[in-house]
Amino acid sequence: MKKVNSTSITVGLFFSFITIMGSATAVPLPKGNCADPKPYTDLRHCRFEGKDLSNKDLRGTDLRVASLYLTDLQGANLTKALFDRNKLLLAELDGAQGLPKEILDTLRVYSAINDRNYLVTHNGNSNITLTPHEAVDGIQENIVGLANIQMVMKVENQPYTIALFDWPRNNDYKGNVIIARFDNDKFEMPACYRGINLMNRDSHYNADWTSMKVMALANGGYLIGIRASGGDGDEMDISGWDMVAFFKLTSNCNIVILHKEESGWLEKPDHTGCQGVELDFSLLDEQTAETISVPHTCSVSDKFKEKVSYKKIKLN
């Protein structure tokens, strides 16, 4: 992974919607040309593995494609683009513009953690033991490190970083995660870490952790919100799902789950579009969060008229 020198900007999870007279209406993007992609087009049908998209204007495009492995996006303008965060990290991103802050933060710590893996043992509950493990040969499922960093967020106005790891490394269900706090930029060992299971392992498959927000609390802990998405929900009779969760990481490294919410969407029987919503979220203050529901669009034929809805959540 090459070093990224782009200026960090904060961008939330991007949905394709426009604001009209104070309300928002979901609008589909026109289908794009894979051979010559243009801004504000839907490129989900394209295969860009190893392709040269350097210096392209890709503002507002939907890049949630199957893979961006070794895709050359150096110098590309990705402002307000939609993408699966983990797949974007497989691309070449030197000089890319408009990348969300969490992407830039993750890229910056990749090289630091790449040289230091951690050996993890798990005793069947949420207690996890981490020890430095300097020489790791091959892929081992019980190693926490570079391969399974999913989200990293620098705490505003503090030297601390909150990170989310999948565990085990090759865990398809990805219900088990490790939340860790690093107290400096050396990433030699997390100062605080705790295991947490946020999802039903029998129902959620192939989760992508797509967003994390962190708020420092007056008592020394952290309010954390995360979002996961998946495209395999057959056992729930849906085509795809979203989950948002809010929890506290206390100063003495305990995790308290405050609220969890799920949504799903399903392709219509005539394959003309989708019904259902996607979930996003925001942290408003130490006691309040907000969930945001946006109609899910499967194709350019989707013509949703529903407004985006907002729901405030009181966190105890």
Protein backbone atom coordinates (compact mmCIF):
# COMPACT_ATOMS: atom_id res chain seq x y z
CA MET A 1 0.00 0.00 0.00
CA LYS A 2 1.49 3.33 -1.02
CA LYS A 3 1.62 6.26 1.32
CA VAL A 4 -1.20 8.76 0.95
CA ASN A 5 -0.37 12.45 1.06
CA SER A 6 -3.85 13.84 0.38
CA THR A 7 -5.34 16.50 2.63
CA SER A 8 -7.76 14.93 5.06
CA ILE A 9 -11.35 16.08 4.90
CA THR A 10 -14.30 14.83 6.88
CA VAL A 11 -17.01 13.26 4.79
CA GLY A 12 -19.86 11.14 6.18
CA LEU A 13 -21.38 8.10 4.56
CA PHE A 14 -22.55 9.16 1.13
CA PHE A 15 -26.06 8.48 -0.12
CA SER A 16 -27.42 9.56 -3.46
CA PHE A 17 -30.02 12.11 -2.52
CA ILE A 18 -30.78 15.77 -3.23
CA THR A 19 -32.33 18.36 -0.96
CA ILE A 20 -35.45 20.11 -2.20
CA MET A 21 -37.14 22.77 -0.07
CA GLY A 22 -35.78 21.34 3.14
CA SER A 23 -36.60 17.68 2.39
CA ALA A 24 -34.52 15.00 0.69
CA THR A 25 -35.59 12.68 -2.11
CA ALA A 26 -33.57 9.66 -3.24
CA VAL A 27 -32.63 9.79 -6.91
CA PRO A 28 -30.89 7.06 -8.91
CA LEU A 29 -27.71 7.75 -10.83
CA PRO A 30 -27.60 7.11 -14.59
CA LYS A 31 -25.76 3.96 -15.66
CA GLY A 32 -22.16 4.79 -16.46
CA ASN A 33 -19.77 3.76 -19.22
CA CYS A 34 -17.18 1.39 -17.76
CA ALA A 35 -14.69 2.15 -20.53
CA ASP A 36 -14.95 5.91 -19.97
CA PRO A 37 -16.43 6.63 -16.51
CA LYS A 38 -17.93 10.08 -15.91
CA PRO A 39 -18.89 11.96 -12.71
CA TYR A 40 -22.22 11.23 -11.00
CA THR A 41 -22.85 7.90 -12.74
CA ASP A 42 -23.60 4.39 -11.43
CA LEU A 43 -20.54 2.19 -12.03
CA ARG A 44 -21.54 -0.82 -9.91
CA HIS A 45 -21.75 -3.05 -12.99
CA CYS A 46 -18.10 -2.37 -13.91
CA ARG A 47 -15.01 -4.45 -13.20
CA PHE A 48 -12.02 -2.25 -12.48
CA GLU A 49 -9.45 -4.76 -11.16
CA GLY A 50 -6.04 -3.55 -12.30
CA LYS A 51 -7.54 -0.79 -14.44
CA ASP A 52 -6.00 2.65 -14.85
CA LEU A 53 -8.39 5.31 -13.51
CA SER A 54 -5.63 7.68 -12.46
CA ASN A 55 -6.51 11.39 -12.48
CA LYS A 56 -10.10 10.60 -13.49
CA ASP A 57 -12.95 12.85 -12.40
CA LEU A 58 -15.06 10.36 -10.42
CA ARG A 59 -16.99 12.80 -8.25
CA GLY A 60 -20.29 11.40 -7.02
CA THR A 61 -19.87 8.05 -8.78
CA ASP A 62 -21.18 4.81 -7.29
CA LEU A 63 -18.06 2.65 -7.06
CA ARG A 64 -19.50 -0.14 -4.93
CA VAL A 65 -18.14 -2.68 -7.40
CA ALA A 66 -17.05 -6.28 -6.80
CA SER A 67 -13.36 -5.40 -6.51
CA LEU A 68 -10.97 -2.48 -6.77
CA TYR A 69 -7.90 -4.71 -6.36
CA LEU A 70 -4.86 -2.86 -7.74
CA THR A 71 -7.12 -0.32 -9.46
CA ASP A 72 -5.03 2.78 -10.15
CA LEU A 73 -6.94 5.69 -8.61
CA GLN A 74 -3.89 7.89 -8.08
CA GLY A 75 -4.83 11.54 -8.44
CA ALA A 76 -8.50 10.70 -9.06
CA ASN A 77 -11.19 12.99 -7.68
CA LEU A 78 -13.36 10.81 -5.42
CA THR A 79 -15.29 13.63 -3.76
CA LYS A 80 -18.77 12.41 -2.70
CA ALA A 81 -18.19 9.03 -4.36
CA LEU A 82 -19.92 5.94 -2.98
CA PHE A 83 -17.72 2.93 -2.31
CA ASP A 84 -17.34 -0.09 -0.07
CA ARG A 85 -14.64 1.14 2.24
CA ASN A 86 -12.71 -2.13 2.54
CA LYS A 87 -12.55 -2.62 -1.23
CA LEU A 88 -11.25 0.91 -1.76
CA LEU A 89 -8.29 0.09 0.48
CA LEU A 90 -7.13 -2.44 -2.13
CA ALA A 91 -6.61 0.30 -4.71
CA GLU A 92 -3.65 2.60 -5.44
CA LEU A 93 -4.64 5.92 -3.89
CA ASP A 94 -1.61 8.24 -3.98
CA GLY A 95 -2.85 11.80 -4.41
CA ALA A 96 -6.53 10.83 -4.57
CA GLN A 97 -8.80 13.74 -3.73
CA GLY A 98 -11.90 13.83 -1.54
CA LEU A 99 -11.23 10.69 0.51
CA PRO A 100 -13.15 10.48 3.80
CA LYS A 101 -11.17 11.05 6.98
CA GLU A 102 -11.61 7.47 8.17
CA ILE A 103 -10.04 6.17 4.94
CA LEU A 104 -7.04 8.46 5.29
CA ASP A 105 -6.60 7.59 8.98
CA THR A 106 -6.73 3.88 8.19
CA LEU A 107 -4.17 4.17 5.41
CA ARG A 108 -1.79 6.09 7.65
CA VAL A 109 -1.74 3.41 10.34
CA TYR A 110 -1.59 0.46 7.94
CA SER A 111 2.16 0.73 7.54
CA ALA A 112 2.66 1.13 11.29
CA ILE A 113 0.66 -1.96 12.22
CA ASN A 114 1.93 -3.96 9.25
CA ASP A 115 5.25 -4.48 11.04
CA ARG A 116 3.62 -5.47 14.33
CA ASN A 117 1.06 -8.24 14.55
CA TYR A 118 -0.64 -9.27 17.77
CA LEU A 119 -1.27 -12.80 18.91
CA VAL A 120 -4.84 -13.18 20.15
CA THR A 121 -6.34 -15.80 22.40
CA HIS A 122 -10.04 -15.99 23.15
CA ASN A 123 -11.58 -17.91 26.05
CA GLY A 124 -15.14 -18.10 24.72
CA ASN A 125 -16.43 -14.80 26.05
CA SER A 126 -15.45 -11.18 25.60
CA ASN A 127 -12.07 -11.50 27.33
CA ILE A 128 -9.23 -11.25 24.82
CA THR A 129 -5.49 -11.44 25.41
CA LEU A 130 -3.12 -9.56 23.11
CA THR A 131 0.63 -10.06 23.12
CA PRO A 132 3.27 -8.78 20.67
CA HIS A 133 4.12 -11.32 18.02
CA GLU A 134 7.05 -10.19 15.91
CA ALA A 135 7.41 -13.02 13.38
CA VAL A 136 4.21 -14.32 11.83
CA ASP A 137 4.55 -16.78 8.95
CA GLY A 138 1.57 -17.11 6.63
CA ILE A 139 -2.04 -16.28 7.33
CA GLN A 140 -3.20 -17.31 10.77
CA GLU A 141 -6.76 -16.74 11.89
CA ASN A 142 -5.79 -15.85 15.44
CA ILE A 143 -3.59 -12.91 14.46
CA VAL A 144 -4.92 -9.40 14.84
CA GLY A 145 -3.07 -6.88 12.71
CA LEU A 146 -2.89 -5.40 9.26
CA ALA A 147 -5.14 -7.86 7.47
CA ASN A 148 -8.16 -7.32 9.67
CA ILE A 149 -8.14 -3.63 10.54
CA GLN A 150 -11.59 -2.52 9.47
CA MET A 151 -12.04 0.99 10.86
CA VAL A 152 -9.71 3.56 12.40
CA MET A 153 -10.75 6.92 13.80
CA LYS A 154 -8.53 9.59 15.34
CA VAL A 155 -10.16 11.16 18.40
CA GLU A 156 -10.65 14.86 17.80
CA ASN A 157 -8.33 17.09 19.87
CA GLN A 158 -6.73 14.05 21.52
CA PRO A 159 -3.66 11.93 20.71
CA TYR A 160 -5.74 8.74 20.82
CA THR A 161 -6.97 6.50 18.03
CA ILE A 162 -9.89 4.05 18.17
CA ALA A 163 -9.62 1.00 15.91
CA LEU A 164 -11.97 -1.84 15.00
CA PHE A 165 -10.55 -5.26 14.08
CA ASP A 166 -12.32 -8.31 12.72
CA TRP A 167 -11.63 -11.41 14.73
CA PRO A 168 -10.77 -14.05 13.66
CA ARG A 169 -9.02 -12.71 10.59
CA ASN A 170 -10.93 -14.92 8.12
CA ASN A 171 -14.26 -14.64 9.93
CA ASP A 172 -16.95 -14.57 7.23
CA TYR A 173 -19.68 -13.78 9.73
CA LYS A 174 -17.70 -10.96 11.31
CA GLY A 175 -19.94 -10.87 14.33
CA ASN A 176 -16.94 -10.80 16.66
CA VAL A 177 -14.83 -7.65 16.62
CA ILE A 178 -12.13 -6.12 18.79
CA ILE A 179 -12.36 -2.46 19.73
CA ALA A 180 -8.94 -1.06 20.64
CA ARG A 181 -7.55 2.28 21.77
CA PHE A 182 -4.02 3.34 20.84
CA ASP A 183 -2.53 6.12 22.95
CA ASN A 184 0.12 7.27 20.46
CA ASP A 185 1.01 7.01 16.79
CA LYS A 186 3.55 4.19 17.23
CA PHE A 187 0.89 1.46 17.45
CA GLU A 188 3.23 -0.83 19.34
CA MET A 189 0.44 -2.22 21.48
CA PRO A 190 -3.11 -1.06 22.11
CA ALA A 191 -3.49 0.53 25.54
CA CYS A 192 -7.04 -0.77 25.79
CA TYR A 193 -8.94 -3.48 23.92
CA ARG A 194 -12.14 -5.44 24.29
CA GLY A 195 -14.05 -8.04 22.30
CA ILE A 196 -17.67 -7.50 21.37
CA ASN A 197 -20.26 -9.46 19.37
CA LEU A 198 -22.63 -7.10 17.60
CA MET A 199 -24.49 -9.43 15.25
CA ASN A 200 -26.32 -12.74 15.05
CA ARG A 201 -23.83 -15.19 13.54
CA ASP A 202 -26.67 -17.28 12.07
CA SER A 203 -28.16 -14.45 10.03
CA HIS A 204 -25.46 -11.97 9.02
CA TYR A 205 -22.89 -12.93 6.42
CA ASN A 206 -19.93 -11.15 4.85
CA ALA A 207 -20.34 -7.90 6.73
CA ASP A 208 -18.52 -4.79 5.61
CA TRP A 209 -17.81 -2.25 8.34
CA THR A 210 -18.51 0.95 6.47
CA SER A 211 -18.56 3.81 8.99
CA MET A 212 -17.36 4.66 12.49
CA LYS A 213 -17.70 7.87 14.49
CA VAL A 214 -16.13 8.58 17.88
CA MET A 215 -16.98 11.21 20.49
CA ALA A 216 -14.86 11.76 23.58
CA LEU A 217 -16.93 11.85 26.78
CA ALA A 218 -16.44 14.15 29.75
CA ASN A 219 -15.82 11.14 32.03
CA GLY A 220 -12.85 9.97 29.99
CA GLY A 221 -14.65 7.32 27.94
CA TYR A 222 -15.83 7.34 24.33
CA LEU A 223 -19.16 7.19 22.61
CA ILE A 224 -18.77 5.11 19.44
CA GLY A 225 -21.16 4.55 16.57
CA ILE A 226 -20.52 2.02 13.82
CA ARG A 227 -22.34 0.85 10.70
CA ALA A 228 -22.11 -2.54 8.99
CA SER A 229 -23.67 -3.66 5.71
CA GLY A 230 -24.08 -6.98 3.98
CA GLY A 231 -25.50 -8.37 0.77
CA ASP A 232 -26.34 -11.87 1.95
CA GLY A 233 -29.47 -12.10 4.07
CA ASP A 234 -31.26 -15.13 2.62
CA GLU A 235 -32.22 -16.50 6.02
CA MET A 236 -33.93 -13.19 6.76
CA ASP A 237 -35.71 -13.15 3.37
CA ILE A 238 -33.91 -9.99 2.29
CA SER A 239 -31.35 -9.18 -0.37
CA GLY A 240 -29.20 -6.95 1.81
CA TRP A 241 -29.06 -5.39 5.25
CA ASP A 242 -27.58 -2.59 7.33
CA MET A 243 -26.87 -2.45 11.04
CA VAL A 244 -25.94 0.53 13.20
CA ALA A 245 -24.84 0.22 16.81
CA PHE A 246 -23.95 2.71 19.52
CA PHE A 247 -21.85 1.81 22.53
CA LYS A 248 -19.56 3.28 25.16
CA LEU A 249 -15.94 2.35 25.63
CA THR A 250 -15.30 3.33 29.24
CA SER A 251 -12.05 4.72 30.60
CA ASN A 252 -11.30 1.34 32.19
CA CYS A 253 -11.98 -0.47 28.89
CA ASN A 254 -15.45 -1.87 29.41
CA ILE A 255 -17.96 -1.85 26.56
CA VAL A 256 -21.61 -1.02 27.14
CA ILE A 257 -23.96 -1.47 24.16
CA LEU A 258 -26.49 1.37 24.18
CA HIS A 259 -28.58 0.77 21.08
CA LYS A 260 -28.61 -1.44 17.99
CA GLU A 261 -30.82 -1.15 14.95
CA GLU A 262 -31.15 -3.05 11.66
CA SER A 263 -32.81 -2.55 8.30
CA GLY A 264 -33.12 -4.60 5.13
CA TRP A 265 -33.99 -4.25 1.48
CA LEU A 266 -35.34 -6.67 -1.07
CA GLU A 267 -35.33 -6.72 -4.85
CA LYS A 268 -38.81 -6.56 -6.34
CA PRO A 269 -40.15 -9.80 -7.90
CA ASP A 270 -40.17 -8.25 -11.38
CA HIS A 271 -36.54 -7.10 -10.95
CA THR A 272 -37.50 -3.50 -11.69
CA GLY A 273 -35.96 -2.12 -8.54
CA CYS A 274 -35.78 -2.49 -4.77
CA GLN A 275 -37.91 -1.83 -1.73
CA GLY A 276 -36.54 -1.10 1.70
CA VAL A 277 -34.10 1.32 3.26
CA GLU A 278 -30.43 1.80 4.08
CA LEU A 279 -29.35 3.05 7.50
CA ASP A 280 -26.85 5.77 8.36
CA PHE A 281 -26.26 7.52 11.68
CA SER A 282 -24.77 10.50 13.43
CA LEU A 283 -23.71 11.30 17.00
CA LEU A 284 -25.44 14.45 18.27
CA ASP A 285 -24.18 14.71 21.86
CA GLU A 286 -23.11 12.47 24.76
CA GLN A 287 -26.65 11.27 25.31
CA THR A 288 -28.19 11.43 21.83
CA ALA A 289 -27.64 9.77 18.48
CA GLU A 290 -29.63 9.83 15.27
CA THR A 291 -30.43 7.14 12.73
CA ILE A 292 -31.06 8.10 9.11
CA SER A 293 -33.14 5.94 6.77
CA VAL A 294 -32.67 6.35 3.02
CA PRO A 295 -34.60 4.36 0.38
CA HIS A 296 -32.35 1.75 -1.18
CA THR A 297 -31.88 2.00 -4.94
CA CYS A 298 -31.00 -1.10 -6.97
CA SER A 299 -31.15 0.31 -10.48
CA VAL A 300 -31.81 3.43 -12.48
CA SER A 301 -35.43 2.31 -12.80
CA ASP A 302 -35.98 2.89 -9.07
CA LYS A 303 -38.14 5.96 -8.65
CA PHE A 304 -38.48 6.40 -4.90
CA LYS A 305 -40.39 9.43 -3.71
CA GLU A 306 -40.16 8.76 0.01
CA LYS A 307 -38.40 11.34 2.09
CA VAL A 308 -35.29 10.55 4.02
CA SER A 309 -36.34 9.96 7.64
CA TYR A 310 -34.49 10.82 10.84
CA LYS A 311 -34.97 9.30 14.28
CA LYS A 312 -33.34 10.53 17.47
CA ILE A 313 -32.13 7.88 19.90
CA LYS A 314 -31.68 8.65 23.61
CA LEU A 315 -28.63 6.79 24.87
CA ASN A 316 -28.60 5.87 28.57
